[in-house]
Amino acid sequence: MTTAMRDTPGMTDRSLRVSRRTMLAGGVTAASGVAAGAAGAVLFTGEEDVASAPEPVAVEAFHGNHQAGIATPPQAHAAFLSLSLKSGIGLERFASVQKLLSQDAERLTQGEPPLGDTEPELAKLANRLTITFGFGYELFDKLAIADRRPGDFTKLPKFELDRLDEKWNGGDVLLQICADDATTVAHALRMCVKDSRSIAKVRWVMRGFRQAPPVIDEGATPRNTMGQLDGTANPAPGGEAFAETVWRDGDDATKNGSVLVVRRIRTELETWDAVDPAVKEMSIGRALDTGAPLTGKNEHDEPDFDATNDLGFTVIPPKSHIRRAQLEDGRQIFRRVYNYDDQVSADGTSDTGLIFASYQKDIATFADIQAQLDNGDMLNDWVTAIGSSEFLIPPGCEPGGWVGETLFG
């Protein structure tokens, strides 16, 4: 199978795929059946049998100016894998393994097993798999190439309300692995761990899920486990605002790359459940049912932060989440958030929350927004950051190249 090229930012090859929905369009009502050992499916109508070709593997393009998995329409399942470099690993050795991992990612995302895959059958259905690479602050020091680290790529400052657990922090290499099938994610994760084992140890893995088509409509905003529509204010991929928010510019080795902040945010659902719906809406600044700002009717109406009620109070409280998350100069982040739901204690308390993946062109934008949230966001009563990491995301690569080549090649 040939690897598709993404010619424009945010473009995928989804338009090139054929689905059974297309074949069933036009009023044809059918049920599909597959004969054992047959190469294709047969669609049965009320009058005749219609043979169909096998459905193509649903793939996202691997090559292009930008890495896939950022502007890509978010998939239903994700695993965030953080690796720590072993001592004594030099630049040449690291680069050779990173090249191998990039080749693994290229093959897996196109529905092809990597070399040495002992379960190649699991690679055949890519299910829109993307594997996105990022590199931590300290990796450049460990490889003795601190001069290659961009000056604006720094570690996040400490925030007063964070309660960080070391087991969810940091890392030298990040792989964000996303697909519409959990088995596909698990297989890709295992292959990447196996092929990185010679130079790195697993630091942490966070597995997440989110609502995605066909559970919700294409382009619809998903709900998180707190019941909120999560990501309403995101800039639309492919647009000018998205490019200005996410992609790094300039002439250095990170042009067309980005910066990723991964935060593990625990939600206190037991106390959130006890809150009156009106208080929840005031804390967020949006209606729970529609996601509309409290000054509007529809989800994407622009909030009016100056509007007041009959008593002279602002309709959207000044410490509501949507107000505190907005910078006066208009800078934004791009949220690619997943839920986690790990264990339930003996008394029924859930370990539930968000894997908050935030893409932006620099650390400063995220830090400035988080500082405002840290200082008076009403939602802080029910959310706590327990993990935090930052990663430099390099640009994509062309056929024959590898992700990270501009930094480590």
Protein backbone atom coordinates (compact mmCIF):
# COMPACT_ATOMS: atom_id res chain seq x y z
CA MET A 1 0.00 0.00 0.00
CA THR A 2 1.41 3.38 -0.87
CA THR A 3 1.60 6.10 1.73
CA ALA A 4 -0.54 9.15 1.06
CA MET A 5 0.83 12.67 1.25
CA ARG A 6 -0.91 15.48 3.09
CA ASP A 7 -0.53 18.43 0.75
CA THR A 8 -2.07 21.07 3.00
CA PRO A 9 -2.00 21.66 6.77
CA GLY A 10 -4.65 19.64 8.58
CA MET A 11 -5.57 17.66 5.47
CA THR A 12 -6.01 13.90 5.78
CA ASP A 13 -6.82 11.25 3.24
CA ARG A 14 -10.24 10.59 4.79
CA SER A 15 -11.80 11.88 1.58
CA LEU A 16 -10.04 9.10 -0.31
CA ARG A 17 -11.70 6.34 1.70
CA VAL A 18 -14.75 4.43 0.58
CA SER A 19 -17.17 3.26 3.25
CA ARG A 20 -20.19 1.02 3.27
CA ARG A 21 -22.26 4.09 4.11
CA THR A 22 -21.56 5.36 0.60
CA MET A 23 -22.56 2.05 -0.93
CA LEU A 24 -25.79 2.02 1.05
CA ALA A 25 -26.73 5.61 0.13
CA GLY A 26 -29.59 6.41 -2.20
CA GLY A 27 -32.30 4.52 -0.35
CA VAL A 28 -30.79 1.04 -0.54
CA THR A 29 -31.54 -0.84 2.66
CA ALA A 30 -29.19 -3.74 3.20
CA ALA A 31 -27.63 -6.12 5.63
CA SER A 32 -24.11 -7.35 5.02
CA GLY A 33 -22.89 -10.89 5.26
CA VAL A 34 -19.45 -12.33 4.77
CA ALA A 35 -18.98 -15.90 3.64
CA ALA A 36 -16.28 -17.79 5.49
CA GLY A 37 -13.03 -17.46 3.63
CA ALA A 38 -14.49 -15.12 1.04
CA ALA A 39 -12.48 -12.13 -0.16
CA GLY A 40 -15.38 -9.65 -0.02
CA ALA A 41 -18.75 -8.97 1.50
CA VAL A 42 -22.14 -9.42 -0.13
CA LEU A 43 -24.88 -6.86 0.44
CA PHE A 44 -28.39 -8.32 0.38
CA THR A 45 -31.28 -6.22 -0.87
CA GLY A 46 -34.89 -7.25 -1.12
CA GLU A 47 -34.47 -8.34 -4.76
CA GLU A 48 -30.88 -9.18 -5.58
CA ASP A 49 -27.41 -9.74 -4.18
CA VAL A 50 -24.86 -6.99 -4.76
CA ALA A 51 -21.20 -8.00 -4.52
CA SER A 52 -18.84 -5.47 -2.99
CA ALA A 53 -15.10 -5.17 -2.80
CA PRO A 54 -13.46 -5.43 0.63
CA GLU A 55 -13.70 -2.16 2.55
CA PRO A 56 -10.36 -0.29 2.41
CA VAL A 57 -8.30 0.06 5.55
CA ALA A 58 -9.11 3.42 7.16
CA VAL A 59 -5.77 5.23 7.19
CA GLU A 60 -4.46 8.67 8.02
CA ALA A 61 -1.50 9.93 6.01
CA PHE A 62 1.86 9.63 7.74
CA HIS A 63 4.05 11.94 5.64
CA GLY A 64 3.69 15.70 5.34
CA ASN A 65 4.84 19.05 6.71
CA HIS A 66 3.15 18.38 10.05
CA GLN A 67 2.90 15.20 12.07
CA ALA A 68 -0.46 13.47 12.00
CA GLY A 69 -2.45 13.23 15.23
CA ILE A 70 -2.73 16.98 15.82
CA ALA A 71 -5.01 18.43 13.14
CA THR A 72 -6.36 14.93 12.52
CA PRO A 73 -10.02 14.55 13.59
CA PRO A 74 -9.63 13.00 17.06
CA GLN A 75 -10.02 9.25 17.26
CA ALA A 76 -11.99 7.39 19.91
CA HIS A 77 -9.05 5.81 21.78
CA ALA A 78 -5.60 6.99 22.81
CA ALA A 79 -2.51 5.94 24.72
CA PHE A 80 0.12 8.46 25.77
CA LEU A 81 3.47 6.68 26.23
CA SER A 82 6.31 8.47 28.01
CA LEU A 83 9.82 7.01 27.81
CA SER A 84 12.94 7.81 29.85
CA LEU A 85 16.32 7.46 28.15
CA LYS A 86 18.69 4.93 29.74
CA SER A 87 22.05 6.19 30.97
CA GLY A 88 24.96 6.09 28.55
CA ILE A 89 22.87 6.42 25.37
CA GLY A 90 24.49 8.82 22.92
CA LEU A 91 23.06 10.84 20.06
CA GLU A 92 23.97 8.37 17.32
CA ARG A 93 22.35 5.42 19.10
CA PHE A 94 19.27 7.45 19.98
CA ALA A 95 18.87 8.67 16.41
CA SER A 96 19.08 5.14 15.00
CA VAL A 97 16.29 3.90 17.30
CA GLN A 98 14.15 6.98 16.67
CA LYS A 99 14.50 6.30 12.95
CA LEU A 100 13.32 2.72 13.56
CA LEU A 101 10.35 3.94 15.62
CA SER A 102 9.43 6.36 12.84
CA GLN A 103 9.52 3.51 10.33
CA ASP A 104 7.34 1.42 12.66
CA ALA A 105 4.86 4.29 12.90
CA GLU A 106 4.79 4.73 9.12
CA ARG A 107 3.97 1.07 8.52
CA LEU A 108 1.47 0.69 11.38
CA THR A 109 -0.49 3.78 10.41
CA GLN A 110 -0.82 2.47 6.86
CA GLY A 111 -2.13 -0.94 7.94
CA GLU A 112 1.15 -2.76 7.43
CA PRO A 113 3.03 -4.72 10.13
CA PRO A 114 6.49 -3.46 11.10
CA LEU A 115 9.45 -5.74 10.56
CA GLY A 116 9.55 -8.34 13.31
CA ASP A 117 5.86 -7.97 14.19
CA THR A 118 4.88 -11.31 15.76
CA GLU A 119 1.16 -10.50 15.48
CA PRO A 120 1.00 -9.02 11.95
CA GLU A 121 -2.73 -9.69 11.69
CA LEU A 122 -3.35 -6.97 14.29
CA ALA A 123 -1.69 -4.36 12.07
CA LYS A 124 -3.94 -4.86 9.06
CA LEU A 125 -6.81 -2.71 10.31
CA ALA A 126 -5.26 0.69 10.97
CA ASN A 127 -8.55 2.25 12.12
CA ARG A 128 -7.19 5.78 11.50
CA LEU A 129 -4.13 5.10 13.65
CA THR A 130 -1.77 8.02 14.21
CA ILE A 131 1.52 8.02 16.15
CA THR A 132 2.82 11.46 17.10
CA PHE A 133 6.32 11.95 18.53
CA GLY A 134 7.47 14.53 21.06
CA PHE A 135 10.71 15.15 22.97
CA GLY A 136 11.19 16.35 26.53
CA TYR A 137 13.27 19.24 27.82
CA GLU A 138 15.94 17.11 29.52
CA LEU A 139 16.53 14.84 26.52
CA PHE A 140 18.66 17.52 24.88
CA ASP A 141 20.90 17.66 27.95
CA LYS A 142 21.19 13.88 28.16
CA LEU A 143 22.26 13.74 24.51
CA ALA A 144 24.71 16.66 25.02
CA ILE A 145 22.93 18.79 22.43
CA ALA A 146 21.40 21.49 24.63
CA ASP A 147 22.33 24.02 21.95
CA ARG A 148 19.72 22.43 19.65
CA ARG A 149 16.90 23.02 22.10
CA PRO A 150 14.85 26.08 21.09
CA GLY A 151 15.21 28.94 23.54
CA ASP A 152 11.45 29.29 24.00
CA PHE A 153 10.99 25.62 24.87
CA THR A 154 11.18 25.66 28.66
CA LYS A 155 9.71 23.63 31.49
CA LEU A 156 6.41 24.80 32.89
CA PRO A 157 6.52 26.85 36.10
CA LYS A 158 4.99 25.46 39.28
CA PHE A 159 1.31 26.23 39.81
CA GLU A 160 -0.05 26.64 43.32
CA LEU A 161 -3.03 24.32 42.96
CA ASP A 162 -1.16 21.46 41.28
CA ARG A 163 -0.80 18.26 43.30
CA LEU A 164 1.64 16.49 41.01
CA ASP A 165 2.50 12.82 41.45
CA GLU A 166 5.96 11.99 40.12
CA LYS A 167 4.69 8.81 38.46
CA TRP A 168 2.69 10.95 35.98
CA ASN A 169 5.35 13.59 35.29
CA GLY A 170 8.08 14.13 32.74
CA GLY A 171 9.69 11.94 30.14
CA ASP A 172 12.30 12.19 27.38
CA VAL A 173 10.22 10.83 24.49
CA LEU A 174 6.46 10.89 24.10
CA LEU A 175 4.37 8.83 21.69
CA GLN A 176 0.74 9.87 21.35
CA ILE A 177 -0.97 6.82 19.86
CA CYS A 178 -4.58 7.30 18.70
CA ALA A 179 -7.03 5.15 16.73
CA ASP A 180 -10.72 4.37 16.49
CA ASP A 181 -10.14 0.89 17.94
CA ALA A 182 -8.61 0.06 21.32
CA THR A 183 -6.98 -3.13 20.02
CA THR A 184 -5.18 -1.16 17.32
CA VAL A 185 -3.87 1.26 19.95
CA ALA A 186 -2.74 -1.59 22.21
CA HIS A 187 -0.86 -3.32 19.38
CA ALA A 188 0.88 -0.14 18.25
CA LEU A 189 1.82 0.67 21.85
CA ARG A 190 3.35 -2.77 22.35
CA MET A 191 5.34 -2.59 19.12
CA CYS A 192 6.76 0.83 19.99
CA VAL A 193 7.72 -0.29 23.50
CA LYS A 194 9.46 -3.38 22.13
CA ASP A 195 11.49 -1.42 19.59
CA SER A 196 12.51 1.28 22.08
CA ARG A 197 13.45 -1.09 24.89
CA SER A 198 17.17 -1.08 24.06
CA ILE A 199 17.55 2.65 24.82
CA ALA A 200 14.63 3.63 27.04
CA LYS A 201 12.39 2.56 29.89
CA VAL A 202 8.67 3.19 30.19
CA ARG A 203 8.05 6.13 32.51
CA TRP A 204 4.25 6.20 32.32
CA VAL A 205 1.33 5.25 30.11
CA MET A 206 -2.03 7.01 30.16
CA ARG A 207 -4.91 5.40 28.28
CA GLY A 208 -7.90 7.49 27.31
CA PHE A 209 -11.16 7.55 25.39
CA ARG A 210 -13.52 10.14 23.98
CA GLN A 211 -16.77 10.36 22.06
CA ALA A 212 -16.17 10.14 18.32
CA PRO A 213 -18.20 9.27 15.20
CA PRO A 214 -20.48 7.36 14.86
CA VAL A 215 -21.33 7.95 18.55
CA ILE A 216 -21.49 11.69 17.83
CA ASP A 217 -21.80 13.53 14.53
CA GLU A 218 -18.70 14.38 12.52
CA GLY A 219 -17.26 17.62 13.90
CA ALA A 220 -19.50 17.65 16.99
CA THR A 221 -18.01 18.58 20.36
CA PRO A 222 -17.65 15.55 22.66
CA ARG A 223 -18.67 15.44 26.31
CA ASN A 224 -16.18 14.60 29.04
CA THR A 225 -16.95 12.48 32.10
CA MET A 226 -18.16 15.58 33.98
CA GLY A 227 -20.92 15.92 31.39
CA GLN A 228 -19.48 19.07 29.79
CA LEU A 229 -19.03 19.69 26.09
CA ASP A 230 -15.23 19.81 25.96
CA GLY A 231 -13.46 21.81 23.24
CA THR A 232 -16.14 24.24 22.07
CA ALA A 233 -13.72 27.16 21.70
CA ASN A 234 -11.07 25.21 19.79
CA PRO A 235 -9.80 26.83 16.59
CA ALA A 236 -10.87 24.75 13.57
CA PRO A 237 -8.05 22.64 12.04
CA GLY A 238 -7.00 23.87 8.63
CA GLY A 239 -7.93 27.49 9.32
CA GLU A 240 -5.74 30.53 9.83
CA ALA A 241 -6.50 30.71 13.56
CA PHE A 242 -5.47 27.07 13.98
CA ALA A 243 -2.18 27.61 12.16
CA GLU A 244 -1.46 30.72 14.20
CA THR A 245 -2.23 28.85 17.43
CA VAL A 246 -0.52 25.50 16.85
CA TRP A 247 2.27 25.51 14.27
CA ARG A 248 5.72 26.87 14.98
CA ASP A 249 7.20 29.18 12.37
CA GLY A 250 10.68 30.53 11.67
CA ASP A 251 13.61 28.83 10.00
CA ASP A 252 14.81 26.51 12.76
CA ALA A 253 14.52 22.75 13.03
CA THR A 254 11.06 22.95 14.63
CA LYS A 255 9.26 24.88 11.89
CA ASN A 256 5.87 23.23 11.22
CA GLY A 257 6.13 21.54 14.59
CA SER A 258 4.38 22.43 17.84
CA VAL A 259 4.58 22.16 21.63
CA LEU A 260 2.48 19.65 23.56
CA VAL A 261 1.56 19.91 27.23
CA VAL A 262 0.06 16.75 28.74
CA ARG A 263 -1.73 17.19 32.06
CA ARG A 264 -3.44 14.42 34.02
CA ILE A 265 -6.39 16.12 35.72
CA ARG A 266 -8.34 14.26 38.38
CA THR A 267 -12.03 15.14 38.62
CA GLU A 268 -13.93 14.93 41.89
CA LEU A 269 -17.12 13.39 40.55
CA GLU A 270 -18.53 12.52 43.96
CA THR A 271 -18.74 16.19 44.99
CA TRP A 272 -19.51 17.39 41.44
CA ASP A 273 -22.56 15.12 41.42
CA ALA A 274 -23.90 16.90 44.50
CA VAL A 275 -23.72 20.39 42.99
CA ASP A 276 -26.85 22.14 41.77
CA PRO A 277 -26.96 22.36 37.93
CA ALA A 278 -27.16 26.16 38.07
CA VAL A 279 -23.93 26.30 40.07
CA LYS A 280 -22.26 23.96 37.58
CA GLU A 281 -23.26 26.24 34.72
CA MET A 282 -21.99 29.34 36.52
CA SER A 283 -18.70 27.58 37.29
CA ILE A 284 -18.19 26.73 33.63
CA GLY A 285 -19.91 29.76 32.10
CA ARG A 286 -21.95 27.61 29.72
CA ALA A 287 -25.29 25.79 29.70
CA LEU A 288 -24.86 22.11 30.41
CA ASP A 289 -27.35 20.89 27.82
CA THR A 290 -26.37 22.95 24.77
CA GLY A 291 -22.89 24.19 25.65
CA ALA A 292 -24.03 27.73 24.84
CA PRO A 293 -22.42 30.57 26.81
CA LEU A 294 -24.76 31.89 29.49
CA THR A 295 -25.24 34.99 27.33
CA GLY A 296 -26.18 33.02 24.18
CA LYS A 297 -28.47 30.35 22.77
CA ASN A 298 -26.15 28.15 20.70
CA GLU A 299 -22.90 26.38 21.51
CA HIS A 300 -20.71 28.51 19.27
CA ASP A 301 -22.22 31.90 20.14
CA GLU A 302 -19.55 34.36 21.22
CA PRO A 303 -19.63 34.89 25.02
CA ASP A 304 -20.47 38.43 26.15
CA PHE A 305 -18.39 38.85 29.28
CA ASP A 306 -19.68 42.37 29.87
CA ALA A 307 -23.41 41.51 29.84
CA THR A 308 -25.15 42.07 33.19
CA ASN A 309 -28.41 40.85 34.72
CA ASP A 310 -31.15 42.89 36.40
CA LEU A 311 -29.15 43.02 39.62
CA GLY A 312 -26.13 44.47 37.86
CA PHE A 313 -24.00 41.32 38.11
CA THR A 314 -22.24 39.93 35.03
CA VAL A 315 -24.18 37.02 33.54
CA ILE A 316 -20.97 35.06 33.04
CA PRO A 317 -19.12 35.21 36.39
CA PRO A 318 -15.61 36.72 36.18
CA LYS A 319 -14.19 33.56 37.77
CA SER A 320 -16.05 31.13 35.51
CA HIS A 321 -13.85 28.67 33.63
CA ILE A 322 -14.43 30.11 30.15
CA ARG A 323 -13.60 33.62 31.39
CA ARG A 324 -10.42 32.64 33.23
CA ALA A 325 -9.25 30.54 30.25
CA GLN A 326 -9.30 33.52 27.89
CA LEU A 327 -6.21 35.73 27.51
CA GLU A 328 -6.75 39.41 26.85
CA ASP A 329 -4.36 39.36 23.88
CA GLY A 330 -6.37 36.60 22.15
CA ARG A 331 -3.72 33.84 22.24
CA GLN A 332 -5.24 30.34 22.29
CA ILE A 333 -4.43 26.69 22.78
CA PHE A 334 -5.79 23.69 20.89
CA ARG A 335 -7.32 21.08 23.19
CA ARG A 336 -7.16 17.42 22.12
CA VAL A 337 -8.58 16.01 25.33
CA TYR A 338 -9.27 12.40 26.32
CA ASN A 339 -11.05 10.99 29.38
CA TYR A 340 -9.61 8.38 31.69
CA ASP A 341 -11.54 6.10 34.03
CA ASP A 342 -9.19 3.69 35.75
CA GLN A 343 -10.31 2.11 39.01
CA VAL A 344 -13.23 2.23 41.40
CA SER A 345 -12.38 1.96 45.09
CA ALA A 346 -14.16 -0.37 47.49
CA ASP A 347 -16.43 2.47 48.61
CA GLY A 348 -17.39 3.27 45.00
CA THR A 349 -15.19 6.34 44.47
CA SER A 350 -14.04 6.63 40.86
CA ASP A 351 -10.51 7.42 39.67
CA THR A 352 -11.71 9.49 36.74
CA GLY A 353 -10.49 12.56 34.94
CA LEU A 354 -8.97 14.09 31.84
CA ILE A 355 -5.81 13.52 29.86
CA PHE A 356 -5.54 17.16 28.87
CA ALA A 357 -3.44 17.29 25.70
CA SER A 358 -2.85 20.91 24.73
CA TYR A 359 -1.10 21.93 21.50
CA GLN A 360 0.28 25.43 21.00
CA LYS A 361 3.29 26.98 19.30
CA ASP A 362 5.05 27.86 22.57
CA ILE A 363 5.07 27.03 26.26
CA ALA A 364 4.39 30.64 27.28
CA THR A 365 0.83 30.59 25.91
CA PHE A 366 -0.16 27.56 27.96
CA ALA A 367 1.63 28.86 31.05
CA ASP A 368 -0.16 32.22 30.87
CA ILE A 369 -3.58 30.59 30.55
CA GLN A 370 -2.86 28.11 33.34
CA ALA A 371 -1.71 30.94 35.62
CA GLN A 372 -5.10 32.60 35.19
CA LEU A 373 -6.92 29.32 35.88
CA ASP A 374 -4.73 28.77 38.93
CA ASN A 375 -5.80 32.14 40.25
CA GLY A 376 -9.53 31.87 40.84
CA ASP A 377 -11.14 29.46 38.36
CA MET A 378 -14.40 28.32 40.00
CA LEU A 379 -13.92 24.87 38.46
CA ASN A 380 -10.84 24.33 40.64
CA ASP A 381 -13.09 23.01 43.40
CA TRP A 382 -13.61 19.85 41.32
CA VAL A 383 -10.45 19.42 39.21
CA THR A 384 -6.83 18.88 40.26
CA ALA A 385 -3.75 18.43 38.09
CA ILE A 386 -1.85 15.36 39.32
CA GLY A 387 0.54 15.01 36.37
CA SER A 388 2.24 17.45 34.02
CA SER A 389 4.75 17.17 31.18
CA GLU A 390 5.83 19.23 28.20
CA PHE A 391 7.20 18.01 24.86
CA LEU A 392 8.64 19.63 21.78
CA ILE A 393 6.82 18.30 18.70
CA PRO A 394 9.04 18.26 15.59
CA PRO A 395 7.66 18.68 12.08
CA GLY A 396 6.55 15.78 9.94
CA CYS A 397 8.78 14.07 7.42
CA GLU A 398 8.84 13.24 3.73
CA PRO A 399 9.09 9.69 2.28
CA GLY A 400 12.51 8.31 3.10
CA GLY A 401 12.90 10.61 6.11
CA TRP A 402 12.08 10.12 9.78
CA VAL A 403 10.39 12.11 12.51
CA GLY A 404 12.98 13.98 14.56
CA GLU A 405 15.56 14.10 11.80
CA THR A 406 15.64 17.91 11.85
CA LEU A 407 16.64 17.83 15.52
CA PHE A 408 18.75 14.69 15.87
CA GLY A 409 19.94 13.83 12.36
